[in-house]
Protein backbone atom coordinates (compact mmCIF):
# COMPACT_ATOMS: atom_id res chain seq x y z
CA MET A 1 193.63 -20.08 105.11
CA SER A 2 190.89 -20.20 102.14
CA PHE A 3 194.14 -21.31 100.25
CA ILE A 4 195.53 -23.85 102.17
CA ARG A 5 192.38 -25.63 103.21
CA LYS A 6 191.33 -25.79 98.91
CA LEU A 7 194.89 -27.48 98.61
CA TRP A 8 193.72 -30.08 101.46
CA THR A 9 190.19 -30.52 99.61
CA PHE A 10 192.36 -31.24 96.46
CA GLY A 11 194.87 -33.70 97.72
CA MET A 12 192.12 -35.72 99.95
CA GLN A 13 190.28 -35.85 96.32
CA GLN A 14 193.36 -36.73 94.66
CA ALA A 15 194.31 -39.44 97.59
CA LEU A 16 191.07 -41.00 97.63
CA SER A 17 191.06 -41.03 93.32
CA CYS A 18 193.82 -43.07 94.27
CA ILE A 19 192.50 -45.95 96.22
CA PHE A 20 193.12 -48.71 93.74
CA PRO A 21 196.61 -47.76 92.82
CA VAL A 22 197.13 -47.43 96.50
CA ILE A 23 196.06 -50.83 97.40
CA ILE A 24 198.03 -52.39 94.34
CA PHE A 25 201.24 -50.47 95.71
CA ALA A 26 200.33 -52.05 99.60
CA ALA A 27 199.38 -55.42 98.41
CA LEU A 28 203.20 -54.80 96.21
CA GLY A 29 205.01 -53.86 99.40
CA LEU A 30 202.87 -56.68 101.72
CA THR A 31 203.79 -59.50 99.80
CA LYS A 32 207.59 -58.65 99.63
CA ILE A 33 207.43 -59.26 103.34
CA VAL A 34 204.81 -61.40 104.01
CA ASP A 35 204.78 -65.14 102.72
CA ILE A 36 202.09 -67.73 102.78
CA PRO A 37 203.09 -71.42 102.02
CA GLY A 38 201.03 -72.60 99.12
CA LEU A 39 200.31 -69.25 97.61
CA PRO A 40 203.12 -67.95 95.56
CA ARG A 41 203.44 -63.86 95.19
CA TYR A 42 202.18 -63.13 92.64
CA ASP A 43 198.70 -65.18 92.95
CA LEU A 44 198.31 -63.33 96.20
CA ILE A 45 198.58 -60.32 94.70
CA LEU A 46 195.75 -61.18 92.21
CA LEU A 47 193.48 -62.19 94.93
CA ILE A 48 194.34 -58.76 96.54
CA CYS A 49 192.98 -56.99 93.60
CA LEU A 50 190.21 -58.90 93.01
CA LEU A 51 189.06 -58.50 96.48
CA ALA A 52 189.49 -54.29 96.70
CA GLN A 53 187.66 -53.97 93.55
CA GLY A 54 184.48 -56.37 95.12
CA GLY A 55 185.14 -54.42 98.06
CA MET A 56 185.13 -51.06 95.99
CA LEU A 57 182.01 -51.53 94.58
CA VAL A 58 180.20 -53.12 97.18
CA SER A 59 181.03 -49.98 99.11
CA LYS A 60 180.00 -47.87 96.16
CA LEU A 61 183.77 -46.28 96.05
CA GLU A 62 183.23 -47.37 92.26
CA THR A 63 180.20 -48.03 89.97
CA TRP A 64 179.52 -50.87 87.67
CA ASP A 65 180.10 -48.46 84.73
CA GLU A 66 183.43 -47.49 85.88
CA LEU A 67 184.06 -51.48 86.88
CA LYS A 68 183.35 -52.34 83.12
CA VAL A 69 185.71 -49.12 82.25
CA ILE A 70 188.40 -51.04 84.56
CA CYS A 71 187.52 -54.72 82.60
CA VAL A 72 188.17 -52.85 79.57
CA PHE A 73 191.27 -51.62 80.42
CA HIS A 74 192.54 -54.79 82.51
CA VAL A 75 192.28 -56.47 78.91
CA ILE A 76 194.23 -54.09 77.15
CA GLY A 77 196.75 -53.85 79.04
CA LEU A 78 197.08 -57.48 79.80
CA MET A 79 197.41 -57.74 75.29
CA LEU A 80 200.21 -55.15 75.72
CA GLU A 81 201.86 -57.03 78.62
CA LEU A 82 201.96 -60.35 76.57
CA TYR A 83 203.38 -59.15 73.77
CA LYS A 84 206.45 -56.96 75.82
CA VAL A 85 207.16 -59.77 77.84
CA HIS A 86 207.21 -62.31 74.91
CA MET A 87 209.62 -59.73 73.25
CA GLY A 88 211.44 -59.23 76.39
CA SER A 89 211.24 -55.79 77.21
CA TRP A 90 210.62 -56.57 80.81
CA SER A 91 209.97 -60.01 82.90
CA TYR A 92 208.12 -61.26 85.40
CA PRO A 93 210.55 -63.51 87.33
CA GLU A 94 208.32 -65.58 89.89
CA GLU A 95 206.53 -68.40 89.66
CA ALA A 96 202.67 -68.24 89.80
CA TYR A 97 199.77 -70.47 89.29
CA SER A 98 198.12 -67.36 87.59
CA LYS A 99 200.85 -66.48 84.53
CA ILE A 100 200.33 -67.21 81.05
CA GLY A 101 202.79 -66.66 78.63
CA GLY A 102 204.83 -65.35 81.44
CA VAL A 103 202.56 -62.67 82.41
CA PRO A 104 200.94 -62.82 86.12
CA LEU A 105 197.38 -62.11 85.27
CA TYR A 106 197.81 -59.38 88.05
CA SER A 107 199.55 -57.12 85.91
CA GLY A 108 196.21 -55.97 83.74
CA PHE A 109 195.10 -54.38 87.05
CA MET A 110 198.09 -51.98 86.71
CA TYR A 111 196.64 -50.88 83.57
CA ALA A 112 193.35 -50.89 85.23
CA SER A 113 194.16 -48.47 88.00
CA VAL A 114 195.21 -45.89 85.93
CA ALA A 115 191.55 -46.21 84.55
CA SER A 116 190.20 -46.15 88.29
CA TYR A 117 192.01 -43.26 88.90
CA ILE A 118 190.74 -41.50 86.19
CA CYS A 119 187.08 -42.58 86.66
CA GLN A 120 187.26 -41.48 90.01
CA ALA A 121 188.51 -37.99 89.71
CA TRP A 122 186.70 -37.77 87.04
CA ARG A 123 183.76 -37.90 88.98
CA ARG A 124 184.99 -36.23 92.71
CA PHE A 125 186.34 -33.40 90.36
CA ASP A 126 183.23 -32.97 88.23
CA LEU A 127 185.83 -32.58 85.25
CA ARG A 128 184.61 -31.05 82.41
CA LEU A 129 185.93 -30.90 78.90
CA THR A 130 185.57 -28.28 76.29
CA GLY A 131 187.24 -28.13 72.65
CA TRP A 132 187.50 -31.76 72.47
CA PRO A 133 188.24 -32.99 69.30
CA PRO A 134 185.79 -35.07 66.38
CA ALA A 135 185.66 -38.82 67.56
CA VAL A 136 187.36 -39.86 63.91
CA LEU A 137 190.88 -37.97 65.32
CA THR A 138 190.62 -39.14 68.56
CA VAL A 139 190.10 -43.04 67.61
CA LEU A 140 192.66 -43.09 65.05
CA LEU A 141 195.05 -41.71 67.42
CA SER A 142 194.60 -44.00 69.96
CA ALA A 143 194.82 -47.04 67.63
CA ALA A 144 198.24 -45.53 66.24
CA ILE A 145 198.97 -44.94 69.78
CA TYR A 146 198.18 -48.05 70.97
CA GLY A 147 199.65 -50.39 67.61
CA ASN A 148 203.02 -48.22 67.56
CA PHE A 149 203.67 -49.73 71.45
CA PHE A 150 203.89 -53.14 69.06
CA THR A 151 205.19 -51.76 65.83
CA HIS A 152 208.41 -50.59 67.41
CA HIS A 153 210.01 -53.21 67.64
CA TYR A 154 209.83 -54.04 63.69
CA VAL A 155 209.63 -50.52 62.45
CA TRP A 156 210.84 -46.76 63.42
CA ASP A 157 209.26 -45.77 66.58
CA PHE A 158 206.88 -43.09 65.69
CA ARG A 159 206.09 -41.85 69.29
CA TRP A 160 207.68 -38.66 68.65
CA VAL A 161 205.56 -38.19 65.71
CA LEU A 162 202.06 -39.23 67.72
CA THR A 163 203.20 -36.74 70.06
CA ALA A 164 203.40 -33.58 67.89
CA LEU A 165 200.17 -34.64 66.34
CA LEU A 166 198.59 -35.26 70.12
CA PHE A 167 199.77 -31.84 70.90
CA LEU A 168 197.56 -30.33 67.31
CA VAL A 169 194.62 -32.24 68.01
CA PHE A 170 194.12 -31.42 71.61
CA TRP A 171 195.61 -27.74 71.59
CA ARG A 172 192.31 -26.22 71.91
CA THR A 173 190.75 -29.08 74.49
CA VAL A 174 190.86 -27.54 78.59
CA VAL A 175 189.59 -29.33 81.26
CA PHE A 176 187.80 -27.67 84.37
CA PHE A 177 187.75 -29.18 87.49
CA GLN A 178 186.30 -27.85 91.18
CA VAL A 179 187.47 -27.86 93.98
CA SER A 180 185.49 -26.39 97.30
CA ARG A 181 182.85 -25.28 94.79
CA ASP A 182 185.64 -23.33 92.88
CA THR A 183 186.04 -23.82 89.17
CA TYR A 184 189.70 -24.51 87.68
CA ARG A 185 191.41 -24.98 84.54
CA MET A 186 194.14 -26.68 82.96
CA PRO A 187 195.19 -27.43 79.19
CA LEU A 188 194.38 -31.31 78.63
CA SER A 189 197.94 -32.10 77.19
CA LEU A 190 199.76 -30.48 80.87
CA SER A 191 197.31 -33.65 82.70
CA PHE A 192 198.46 -36.16 80.21
CA ILE A 193 202.28 -34.82 81.00
CA LEU A 194 201.57 -34.62 84.84
CA ILE A 195 199.70 -38.00 85.05
CA GLY A 196 202.80 -39.51 83.15
CA PHE A 197 205.06 -38.44 85.26
CA PHE A 198 203.27 -39.45 88.62
CA ILE A 199 202.59 -43.18 86.90
CA TRP A 200 206.96 -42.98 85.94
CA VAL A 201 207.01 -42.03 89.68
CA ALA A 202 205.03 -44.69 90.92
CA GLU A 203 206.62 -47.37 88.11
CA ASN A 204 210.01 -47.18 90.07
CA ILE A 205 208.18 -47.64 93.33
CA SER A 206 206.67 -50.47 91.43
CA THR A 207 210.04 -52.08 90.08
CA PHE A 208 211.90 -51.71 93.43
CA LEU A 209 209.14 -53.74 95.17
CA GLY A 210 209.34 -56.44 92.27
CA ALA A 211 205.99 -55.89 90.60
CA TRP A 212 208.74 -56.68 87.79
CA THR A 213 211.84 -56.26 86.00
CA TYR A 214 213.60 -54.37 83.20
CA PRO A 215 216.95 -56.00 81.56
CA GLY A 216 219.64 -54.19 83.99
CA GLN A 217 217.68 -54.89 87.00
CA GLU A 218 217.98 -58.32 87.85
CA ARG A 219 220.69 -58.11 89.84
CA THR A 220 220.77 -54.81 91.49
CA TRP A 221 217.75 -51.92 91.23
CA SER A 222 217.77 -49.19 88.73
CA LEU A 223 215.73 -45.93 88.15
CA VAL A 224 213.65 -46.47 85.07
CA HIS A 225 214.82 -44.81 82.21
CA ILE A 226 213.48 -41.08 82.41
CA GLY A 227 212.19 -41.59 78.69
CA LYS A 228 209.77 -44.17 79.93
CA ILE A 229 207.82 -40.99 81.08
CA SER A 230 206.95 -40.58 77.17
CA SER A 231 205.55 -44.33 76.77
CA TRP A 232 202.90 -43.55 79.92
CA PHE A 233 202.31 -39.79 78.76
CA LEU A 234 201.07 -41.62 74.98
CA LEU A 235 199.24 -44.37 77.50
CA VAL A 236 197.24 -41.98 79.72
CA VAL A 237 196.08 -40.26 76.20
CA ILE A 238 194.38 -43.63 75.48
CA SER A 239 192.90 -43.68 78.75
CA VAL A 240 191.56 -40.51 78.84
CA ILE A 241 190.63 -40.66 75.14
CA ILE A 242 188.78 -44.05 75.91
CA VAL A 243 186.91 -42.45 79.25
CA ALA A 244 185.62 -39.79 77.61
CA GLN A 245 184.43 -40.96 74.42
CA LEU A 246 182.74 -43.31 76.51
CA LYS A 247 181.46 -40.52 78.68
CA HIS A 248 180.21 -38.46 75.11
CA VAL A 249 178.46 -42.07 73.82
CA LYS A 250 176.63 -42.38 77.22
CA GLN A 251 175.67 -38.75 76.88
CA GLY A 252 174.45 -39.28 73.83
CA LEU A 253 172.25 -41.71 74.76
CA GLY A 254 170.68 -40.36 77.56
CA HIS A 255 169.64 -37.43 75.14
CA GLY A 256 167.86 -39.93 73.12
CA ALA A 257 167.92 -39.59 68.91
CA GLY A 258 166.20 -36.09 69.10
CA GLY A 259 168.18 -34.45 72.07
CA ASN A 260 170.82 -31.86 72.11
CA LYS A 261 174.21 -32.73 71.46
CA THR A 262 177.59 -31.71 72.73
CA ASN A 263 180.99 -32.51 72.22
CA ASN A 264 182.24 -32.11 75.54
CA PRO A 265 182.13 -35.21 77.25
CA SER A 266 181.49 -34.44 80.27
CA SER A 267 178.49 -37.01 81.84
CA LYS A 268 178.60 -39.34 85.15
CA LEU A 269 180.03 -42.46 84.07
């Protein structure tokens, strides 16, 4: 029974950490069947996302610092969307007032929802990382991964080289998390893979609900290629690195110039 209770607690905490992604899924499903005259679907989704963020902040389900991180990811994601849509990687076929360069502004919230999950899970599971690599390695790796999303259209795709480097850089990094006051551990690289896989599952649901369309899905929906897991895996790496480094910086500022320093970015965000 103790195992069942812990599993239930783990599941509930995961569900609460997914509040914002669930709201986005609900918005995609709702707007698929509900039509408001004069308000295009993509604009309605954007409005729901903005109201959801405001509601989470007011209800204290989200902190101001977490909102700042989410806004950073919204911008990062929107820049990537503008480039990928321009290159024909995918498209948003419906009309909207809030489209820029063929990209609806709500799309940035889909990337922000990943950051929201990471921030929420970090707080709810009291995550602690050990064996965190030097900041210069994590920053350079993040920049290389993000840059590869743009450059692979023109030069060789370095994703597998970057993946190999990632496992080398993080091979000593372990994430500790708490469930019902018990502490568990997992290699950080494994958590990257698991989160990337579940985002791929979410991506299939999103494309089925018409969030965006890949080439080949224009007439009939089909399963997103399993190779996309590698893209989400690398995107999760960027997300975790940014959140972890921000926590590390905040922790260092909290200790002050003469305080003790640690390479474990585990402070509250």
